[in-house]
N, C-alpha and C. Protein backbone atom coordinates (compact mmCIF):
# COMPACT_ATOMS: atom_id res chain seq x y z
N MET A 1 62.69 -40.04 -15.26
CA MET A 1 62.62 -38.84 -14.46
C MET A 1 61.68 -39.11 -13.29
N SER A 2 62.11 -38.88 -12.08
CA SER A 2 61.31 -39.14 -10.89
C SER A 2 60.31 -38.00 -10.68
N PRO A 3 59.27 -38.27 -9.94
CA PRO A 3 58.25 -37.23 -9.72
C PRO A 3 58.84 -35.99 -9.07
N GLU A 4 59.83 -36.14 -8.20
CA GLU A 4 60.42 -34.96 -7.55
C GLU A 4 61.15 -34.09 -8.56
N GLU A 5 61.70 -34.68 -9.61
CA GLU A 5 62.43 -33.91 -10.61
C GLU A 5 61.48 -33.13 -11.51
N ARG A 6 60.25 -33.60 -11.64
CA ARG A 6 59.28 -32.90 -12.49
C ARG A 6 58.65 -31.70 -11.78
N LEU A 7 58.75 -31.64 -10.49
CA LEU A 7 58.13 -30.56 -9.74
C LEU A 7 58.93 -29.29 -9.87
N PRO A 8 58.25 -28.16 -9.90
CA PRO A 8 58.98 -26.90 -9.88
C PRO A 8 59.73 -26.75 -8.56
N ALA A 9 60.64 -25.84 -8.52
CA ALA A 9 61.49 -25.66 -7.34
C ALA A 9 60.68 -25.35 -6.09
N GLU A 10 59.63 -24.57 -6.22
CA GLU A 10 58.87 -24.21 -5.02
C GLU A 10 57.86 -25.28 -4.62
N GLY A 11 57.67 -26.30 -5.42
CA GLY A 11 56.77 -27.39 -5.08
C GLY A 11 55.34 -27.11 -5.57
N ILE A 12 54.47 -28.03 -5.27
CA ILE A 12 53.08 -27.90 -5.70
C ILE A 12 52.30 -27.21 -4.60
N ARG A 13 51.48 -26.29 -5.01
CA ARG A 13 50.60 -25.62 -4.06
C ARG A 13 49.19 -26.16 -4.27
N ARG A 14 48.60 -26.52 -3.17
CA ARG A 14 47.24 -27.06 -3.25
C ARG A 14 46.29 -26.10 -2.55
N ALA A 15 45.12 -26.04 -3.09
CA ALA A 15 44.08 -25.22 -2.48
C ALA A 15 42.81 -26.05 -2.41
N GLN A 16 42.15 -25.94 -1.32
CA GLN A 16 40.89 -26.64 -1.16
C GLN A 16 39.82 -25.58 -0.95
N VAL A 17 38.78 -25.66 -1.75
CA VAL A 17 37.71 -24.69 -1.68
C VAL A 17 36.42 -25.42 -1.33
N ALA A 18 35.72 -24.88 -0.35
CA ALA A 18 34.42 -25.44 0.03
C ALA A 18 33.37 -24.38 -0.26
N ILE A 19 32.36 -24.78 -0.97
CA ILE A 19 31.28 -23.86 -1.31
C ILE A 19 30.02 -24.33 -0.59
N SER A 20 29.40 -23.41 0.08
CA SER A 20 28.18 -23.72 0.82
C SER A 20 27.09 -22.75 0.41
N GLN A 21 25.90 -23.26 0.18
CA GLN A 21 24.77 -22.42 -0.14
C GLN A 21 23.66 -22.71 0.84
N GLN A 22 22.94 -21.67 1.18
CA GLN A 22 21.76 -21.87 2.00
C GLN A 22 20.73 -20.82 1.61
N PHE A 23 19.49 -21.14 1.86
CA PHE A 23 18.43 -20.20 1.58
C PHE A 23 17.35 -20.39 2.62
N SER A 24 16.57 -19.37 2.77
CA SER A 24 15.46 -19.49 3.71
C SER A 24 14.19 -19.11 2.97
N GLY A 25 13.11 -19.64 3.44
CA GLY A 25 11.84 -19.37 2.80
C GLY A 25 11.27 -20.64 2.22
N PRO A 26 10.06 -20.54 1.74
CA PRO A 26 9.39 -21.75 1.25
C PRO A 26 9.88 -22.23 -0.12
N LEU A 27 10.48 -21.35 -0.88
CA LEU A 27 10.92 -21.73 -2.24
C LEU A 27 12.44 -21.69 -2.35
N PRO A 28 13.01 -22.67 -3.03
CA PRO A 28 14.46 -22.61 -3.29
C PRO A 28 14.76 -21.54 -4.35
N PRO A 29 16.01 -21.15 -4.48
CA PRO A 29 16.39 -20.18 -5.52
C PRO A 29 16.04 -20.73 -6.92
N PRO A 30 15.85 -19.85 -7.89
CA PRO A 30 15.46 -20.28 -9.24
C PRO A 30 16.40 -21.32 -9.86
N GLU A 31 17.70 -21.20 -9.58
CA GLU A 31 18.65 -22.16 -10.17
C GLU A 31 18.36 -23.58 -9.66
N ILE A 32 18.12 -23.69 -8.38
CA ILE A 32 17.85 -25.02 -7.80
C ILE A 32 16.48 -25.52 -8.26
N LEU A 33 15.52 -24.61 -8.34
CA LEU A 33 14.19 -24.98 -8.82
C LEU A 33 14.26 -25.51 -10.25
N ALA A 34 15.10 -24.87 -11.06
CA ALA A 34 15.27 -25.32 -12.45
C ALA A 34 15.90 -26.72 -12.49
N LYS A 35 16.82 -26.99 -11.58
CA LYS A 35 17.44 -28.32 -11.53
C LYS A 35 16.42 -29.38 -11.14
N TYR A 36 15.53 -29.05 -10.19
CA TYR A 36 14.44 -29.98 -9.85
C TYR A 36 13.59 -30.28 -11.08
N GLU A 37 13.30 -29.23 -11.84
CA GLU A 37 12.46 -29.39 -13.04
C GLU A 37 13.16 -30.27 -14.08
N GLN A 38 14.48 -30.15 -14.20
CA GLN A 38 15.23 -30.97 -15.15
C GLN A 38 15.19 -32.44 -14.73
N ILE A 39 15.32 -32.68 -13.45
CA ILE A 39 15.34 -34.06 -12.95
C ILE A 39 13.95 -34.70 -13.05
N LEU A 40 12.93 -33.94 -12.67
CA LEU A 40 11.57 -34.46 -12.67
C LEU A 40 10.64 -33.39 -13.24
N PRO A 41 10.25 -33.52 -14.49
CA PRO A 41 9.38 -32.51 -15.09
C PRO A 41 8.09 -32.34 -14.27
N GLY A 42 7.74 -31.10 -13.99
CA GLY A 42 6.56 -30.80 -13.19
C GLY A 42 6.89 -30.60 -11.71
N ALA A 43 8.12 -30.90 -11.31
CA ALA A 43 8.51 -30.78 -9.90
C ALA A 43 8.47 -29.33 -9.43
N ALA A 44 8.90 -28.41 -10.28
CA ALA A 44 8.91 -27.00 -9.89
C ALA A 44 7.49 -26.52 -9.61
N ASP A 45 6.55 -26.92 -10.45
CA ASP A 45 5.15 -26.53 -10.24
C ASP A 45 4.62 -27.12 -8.94
N ARG A 46 4.97 -28.36 -8.66
CA ARG A 46 4.52 -29.00 -7.42
C ARG A 46 5.11 -28.31 -6.20
N ILE A 47 6.38 -27.90 -6.28
CA ILE A 47 7.02 -27.21 -5.17
C ILE A 47 6.35 -25.86 -4.93
N ILE A 48 6.05 -25.14 -6.00
CA ILE A 48 5.39 -23.83 -5.87
C ILE A 48 3.99 -24.00 -5.30
N LYS A 49 3.25 -25.01 -5.77
CA LYS A 49 1.91 -25.26 -5.23
C LYS A 49 1.97 -25.62 -3.75
N MET A 50 2.99 -26.40 -3.35
CA MET A 50 3.15 -26.77 -1.96
C MET A 50 3.40 -25.52 -1.11
N ALA A 51 4.24 -24.61 -1.59
CA ALA A 51 4.52 -23.37 -0.86
C ALA A 51 3.27 -22.51 -0.74
N GLU A 52 2.49 -22.43 -1.82
CA GLU A 52 1.25 -21.65 -1.79
C GLU A 52 0.25 -22.26 -0.81
N SER A 53 0.15 -23.57 -0.80
CA SER A 53 -0.75 -24.26 0.12
C SER A 53 -0.34 -24.02 1.57
N GLN A 54 0.95 -24.11 1.83
CA GLN A 54 1.46 -23.88 3.19
C GLN A 54 1.20 -22.45 3.63
N GLN A 55 1.40 -21.50 2.73
CA GLN A 55 1.15 -20.10 3.06
C GLN A 55 -0.32 -19.87 3.37
N SER A 56 -1.20 -20.45 2.57
CA SER A 56 -2.63 -20.32 2.80
C SER A 56 -3.02 -20.92 4.14
N HIS A 57 -2.48 -22.08 4.45
CA HIS A 57 -2.75 -22.75 5.73
C HIS A 57 -2.29 -21.88 6.89
N ARG A 58 -1.09 -21.34 6.79
CA ARG A 58 -0.54 -20.50 7.85
C ARG A 58 -1.39 -19.25 8.05
N GLN A 59 -1.86 -18.65 6.96
CA GLN A 59 -2.70 -17.46 7.06
C GLN A 59 -4.04 -17.78 7.73
N ARG A 60 -4.62 -18.94 7.42
CA ARG A 60 -5.88 -19.34 8.06
C ARG A 60 -5.67 -19.52 9.57
N LEU A 61 -4.57 -20.16 9.95
CA LEU A 61 -4.28 -20.34 11.37
C LEU A 61 -4.08 -19.01 12.09
N GLU A 62 -3.34 -18.11 11.45
CA GLU A 62 -3.11 -16.80 12.06
C GLU A 62 -4.42 -16.04 12.21
N GLN A 63 -5.30 -16.15 11.23
CA GLN A 63 -6.60 -15.48 11.31
C GLN A 63 -7.41 -16.03 12.47
N LYS A 64 -7.39 -17.36 12.65
CA LYS A 64 -8.12 -17.98 13.76
C LYS A 64 -7.56 -17.52 15.11
N VAL A 65 -6.24 -17.42 15.21
CA VAL A 65 -5.62 -16.98 16.46
C VAL A 65 -6.02 -15.54 16.76
N ILE A 66 -6.00 -14.69 15.75
CA ILE A 66 -6.37 -13.28 15.94
C ILE A 66 -7.82 -13.17 16.38
N GLU A 67 -8.71 -13.90 15.70
CA GLU A 67 -10.13 -13.85 16.06
C GLU A 67 -10.35 -14.38 17.48
N SER A 68 -9.65 -15.44 17.83
CA SER A 68 -9.79 -16.02 19.17
C SER A 68 -9.30 -15.04 20.24
N ASN A 69 -8.16 -14.41 20.00
CA ASN A 69 -7.63 -13.43 20.96
C ASN A 69 -8.57 -12.25 21.11
N THR A 70 -9.12 -11.77 20.01
CA THR A 70 -10.06 -10.65 20.06
C THR A 70 -11.30 -11.02 20.86
N SER A 71 -11.82 -12.20 20.60
CA SER A 71 -13.00 -12.67 21.33
C SER A 71 -12.70 -12.81 22.82
N ALA A 72 -11.56 -13.38 23.15
CA ALA A 72 -11.18 -13.55 24.57
C ALA A 72 -11.04 -12.21 25.26
N GLN A 73 -10.47 -11.23 24.57
CA GLN A 73 -10.33 -9.90 25.17
C GLN A 73 -11.70 -9.26 25.42
N LYS A 74 -12.60 -9.39 24.46
CA LYS A 74 -13.95 -8.82 24.63
C LYS A 74 -14.67 -9.48 25.80
N TRP A 75 -14.61 -10.81 25.87
CA TRP A 75 -15.26 -11.52 26.96
C TRP A 75 -14.62 -11.18 28.30
N GLY A 76 -13.31 -11.02 28.30
CA GLY A 76 -12.62 -10.66 29.55
C GLY A 76 -13.06 -9.30 30.07
N VAL A 77 -13.19 -8.33 29.18
CA VAL A 77 -13.65 -7.00 29.58
C VAL A 77 -15.08 -7.07 30.07
N ALA A 78 -15.93 -7.80 29.36
CA ALA A 78 -17.34 -7.91 29.75
C ALA A 78 -17.47 -8.58 31.12
N CYS A 79 -16.76 -9.68 31.32
CA CYS A 79 -16.83 -10.38 32.61
C CYS A 79 -16.26 -9.52 33.73
N GLY A 80 -15.19 -8.81 33.47
CA GLY A 80 -14.62 -7.91 34.47
C GLY A 80 -15.59 -6.81 34.85
N PHE A 81 -16.28 -6.26 33.86
CA PHE A 81 -17.27 -5.21 34.13
C PHE A 81 -18.41 -5.76 34.98
N ILE A 82 -18.90 -6.93 34.62
CA ILE A 82 -20.01 -7.54 35.38
C ILE A 82 -19.58 -7.82 36.81
N LEU A 83 -18.39 -8.35 36.98
CA LEU A 83 -17.89 -8.65 38.32
C LEU A 83 -17.72 -7.37 39.15
N ALA A 84 -17.16 -6.34 38.53
CA ALA A 84 -16.97 -5.07 39.24
C ALA A 84 -18.31 -4.45 39.62
N MET A 85 -19.26 -4.45 38.70
CA MET A 85 -20.56 -3.87 39.00
C MET A 85 -21.30 -4.67 40.08
N THR A 86 -21.11 -5.98 40.08
CA THR A 86 -21.72 -6.80 41.12
C THR A 86 -21.15 -6.43 42.49
N ALA A 87 -19.83 -6.24 42.54
CA ALA A 87 -19.19 -5.87 43.81
C ALA A 87 -19.62 -4.47 44.25
N VAL A 88 -19.67 -3.53 43.32
CA VAL A 88 -20.09 -2.16 43.65
C VAL A 88 -21.55 -2.15 44.11
N CYS A 89 -22.41 -2.83 43.37
CA CYS A 89 -23.82 -2.91 43.76
C CYS A 89 -23.98 -3.60 45.11
N GLY A 90 -23.18 -4.62 45.34
CA GLY A 90 -23.20 -5.28 46.65
C GLY A 90 -22.76 -4.34 47.76
N GLY A 91 -21.75 -3.53 47.49
CA GLY A 91 -21.30 -2.54 48.47
C GLY A 91 -22.37 -1.50 48.74
N ILE A 92 -23.05 -1.04 47.70
CA ILE A 92 -24.15 -0.08 47.88
C ILE A 92 -25.28 -0.72 48.68
N TRP A 93 -25.59 -1.96 48.35
CA TRP A 93 -26.65 -2.67 49.07
C TRP A 93 -26.31 -2.80 50.56
N LEU A 94 -25.03 -3.16 50.83
CA LEU A 94 -24.60 -3.26 52.22
C LEU A 94 -24.70 -1.91 52.93
N SER A 95 -24.33 -0.84 52.23
CA SER A 95 -24.42 0.51 52.83
C SER A 95 -25.86 0.87 53.14
N LEU A 96 -26.78 0.54 52.25
CA LEU A 96 -28.20 0.84 52.47
C LEU A 96 -28.79 0.00 53.61
N ARG A 97 -28.21 -1.13 53.91
CA ARG A 97 -28.68 -2.01 54.99
C ARG A 97 -28.09 -1.60 56.34
N GLY A 98 -27.35 -0.52 56.36
CA GLY A 98 -26.81 -0.05 57.63
C GLY A 98 -25.37 -0.46 57.89
N MET A 99 -24.77 -1.17 56.99
CA MET A 99 -23.37 -1.57 57.15
C MET A 99 -22.50 -0.71 56.23
N SER A 100 -22.49 0.59 56.53
CA SER A 100 -21.80 1.52 55.63
C SER A 100 -20.30 1.25 55.55
N GLY A 101 -19.69 0.88 56.65
CA GLY A 101 -18.24 0.59 56.63
C GLY A 101 -17.93 -0.62 55.75
N THR A 102 -18.70 -1.66 55.90
CA THR A 102 -18.50 -2.87 55.09
C THR A 102 -18.81 -2.59 53.63
N GLY A 103 -19.87 -1.84 53.38
CA GLY A 103 -20.23 -1.49 52.00
C GLY A 103 -19.17 -0.66 51.32
N LEU A 104 -18.66 0.35 52.05
CA LEU A 104 -17.61 1.21 51.48
C LEU A 104 -16.33 0.40 51.24
N THR A 105 -16.01 -0.50 52.16
CA THR A 105 -14.83 -1.35 51.99
C THR A 105 -14.98 -2.25 50.77
N THR A 106 -16.18 -2.77 50.56
CA THR A 106 -16.44 -3.62 49.40
C THR A 106 -16.28 -2.84 48.10
N ILE A 107 -16.82 -1.63 48.06
CA ILE A 107 -16.71 -0.80 46.85
C ILE A 107 -15.26 -0.44 46.58
N ILE A 108 -14.56 0.02 47.60
CA ILE A 108 -13.15 0.41 47.42
C ILE A 108 -12.31 -0.81 47.04
N GLY A 109 -12.58 -1.95 47.66
CA GLY A 109 -11.83 -3.17 47.33
C GLY A 109 -12.02 -3.59 45.88
N ALA A 110 -13.27 -3.50 45.40
CA ALA A 110 -13.55 -3.88 44.00
C ALA A 110 -12.84 -2.93 43.04
N LEU A 111 -12.90 -1.63 43.34
CA LEU A 111 -12.25 -0.67 42.45
C LEU A 111 -10.73 -0.80 42.51
N ALA A 112 -10.18 -1.07 43.70
CA ALA A 112 -8.73 -1.27 43.82
C ALA A 112 -8.29 -2.51 43.05
N ALA A 113 -9.08 -3.57 43.10
CA ALA A 113 -8.75 -4.78 42.35
C ALA A 113 -8.75 -4.51 40.85
N LEU A 114 -9.74 -3.74 40.37
CA LEU A 114 -9.78 -3.39 38.95
C LEU A 114 -8.56 -2.58 38.53
N VAL A 115 -8.21 -1.60 39.35
CA VAL A 115 -7.03 -0.78 39.04
C VAL A 115 -5.77 -1.65 39.06
N GLY A 116 -5.67 -2.55 40.04
CA GLY A 116 -4.51 -3.45 40.13
C GLY A 116 -4.38 -4.34 38.91
N VAL A 117 -5.48 -4.90 38.47
CA VAL A 117 -5.46 -5.75 37.27
C VAL A 117 -5.05 -4.94 36.05
N PHE A 118 -5.56 -3.73 35.93
CA PHE A 118 -5.22 -2.87 34.79
C PHE A 118 -3.73 -2.54 34.79
N VAL A 119 -3.21 -2.13 35.95
CA VAL A 119 -1.80 -1.75 36.04
C VAL A 119 -0.91 -2.96 35.76
N TYR A 120 -1.25 -4.12 36.34
CA TYR A 120 -0.46 -5.33 36.11
C TYR A 120 -0.49 -5.72 34.63
N GLY A 121 -1.66 -5.67 34.01
CA GLY A 121 -1.79 -6.01 32.59
C GLY A 121 -0.97 -5.08 31.71
N LYS A 122 -1.01 -3.79 32.03
CA LYS A 122 -0.25 -2.81 31.24
C LYS A 122 1.25 -3.05 31.41
N SER A 123 1.67 -3.38 32.61
CA SER A 123 3.09 -3.65 32.87
C SER A 123 3.55 -4.89 32.11
N ALA A 124 2.74 -5.94 32.16
CA ALA A 124 3.09 -7.17 31.44
C ALA A 124 3.13 -6.93 29.93
N GLN A 125 2.20 -6.12 29.43
CA GLN A 125 2.17 -5.80 28.01
C GLN A 125 3.43 -5.02 27.61
N ASP A 126 3.85 -4.06 28.44
CA ASP A 126 5.06 -3.29 28.16
C ASP A 126 6.30 -4.18 28.16
N LYS A 127 6.38 -5.13 29.10
CA LYS A 127 7.52 -6.05 29.15
C LYS A 127 7.57 -6.92 27.90
N GLN A 128 6.40 -7.40 27.48
CA GLN A 128 6.34 -8.25 26.30
C GLN A 128 6.74 -7.46 25.05
N LEU A 129 6.28 -6.23 24.95
CA LEU A 129 6.63 -5.38 23.80
C LEU A 129 8.13 -5.10 23.78
N LYS A 130 8.71 -4.84 24.94
CA LYS A 130 10.15 -4.59 25.02
C LYS A 130 10.94 -5.83 24.59
N LYS A 131 10.49 -7.00 25.05
CA LYS A 131 11.16 -8.25 24.70
C LYS A 131 11.11 -8.49 23.19
N LYS A 132 9.94 -8.25 22.58
CA LYS A 132 9.81 -8.42 21.13
C LYS A 132 10.67 -7.42 20.37
N SER A 133 10.74 -6.18 20.87
CA SER A 133 11.57 -5.16 20.22
C SER A 133 13.04 -5.55 20.26
N GLU A 134 13.49 -6.07 21.40
CA GLU A 134 14.89 -6.50 21.51
C GLU A 134 15.18 -7.68 20.58
N ALA A 135 14.25 -8.62 20.51
CA ALA A 135 14.44 -9.77 19.62
C ALA A 135 14.50 -9.31 18.17
N PHE A 136 13.65 -8.37 17.81
CA PHE A 136 13.66 -7.85 16.44
C PHE A 136 14.95 -7.11 16.15
N ALA A 137 15.42 -6.31 17.10
CA ALA A 137 16.68 -5.57 16.92
C ALA A 137 17.84 -6.54 16.75
N ASN A 138 17.86 -7.63 17.52
CA ASN A 138 18.91 -8.64 17.40
C ASN A 138 18.87 -9.30 16.03
N THR A 139 17.67 -9.60 15.54
CA THR A 139 17.52 -10.23 14.23
C THR A 139 18.02 -9.31 13.13
N VAL A 140 17.67 -8.03 13.23
CA VAL A 140 18.10 -7.06 12.22
C VAL A 140 19.61 -6.89 12.23
N SER A 141 20.19 -6.79 13.45
CA SER A 141 21.65 -6.60 13.53
C SER A 141 22.41 -7.82 13.02
N LYS A 142 21.88 -9.03 13.22
CA LYS A 142 22.52 -10.23 12.70
C LYS A 142 22.43 -10.27 11.18
N GLY A 143 21.32 -9.78 10.64
CA GLY A 143 21.13 -9.78 9.19
C GLY A 143 22.07 -8.79 8.49
N GLN A 144 22.50 -7.75 9.18
CA GLN A 144 23.37 -6.75 8.58
C GLN A 144 24.82 -7.16 8.62
N GLN A 145 25.13 -8.17 9.41
CA GLN A 145 26.55 -8.59 9.53
C GLN A 145 26.97 -9.43 8.36
């Protein structure tokens, strides 16, 4: 009997199935972690310790960044205040020396520069917040699909 005679009338149907798994995060799913443990006893514990160590390291770095940013902001405000007061005091000094026009121009210029820096900073902060909000919204919408 030839192979063609053994086949049913409609022929053989073949199906090919591809299975793909992926995960995100520092730890693999429990099933995969258990397989690591079967292959190498103690591997699961080592993987968990590695994830804990990485998390601790990342938290220390984030804390340093936050502290650094806070310190920079405080110093920036202090230096801006000192610079503005120096300009205002200089304008007052010029006014008292008989150069009232120059003194008034110096005072107004210093205050205008401070207002300009504040407005520009607030605008940049709003743009950055909007950009982060859009990125977050995109991430959430992709996760729901």
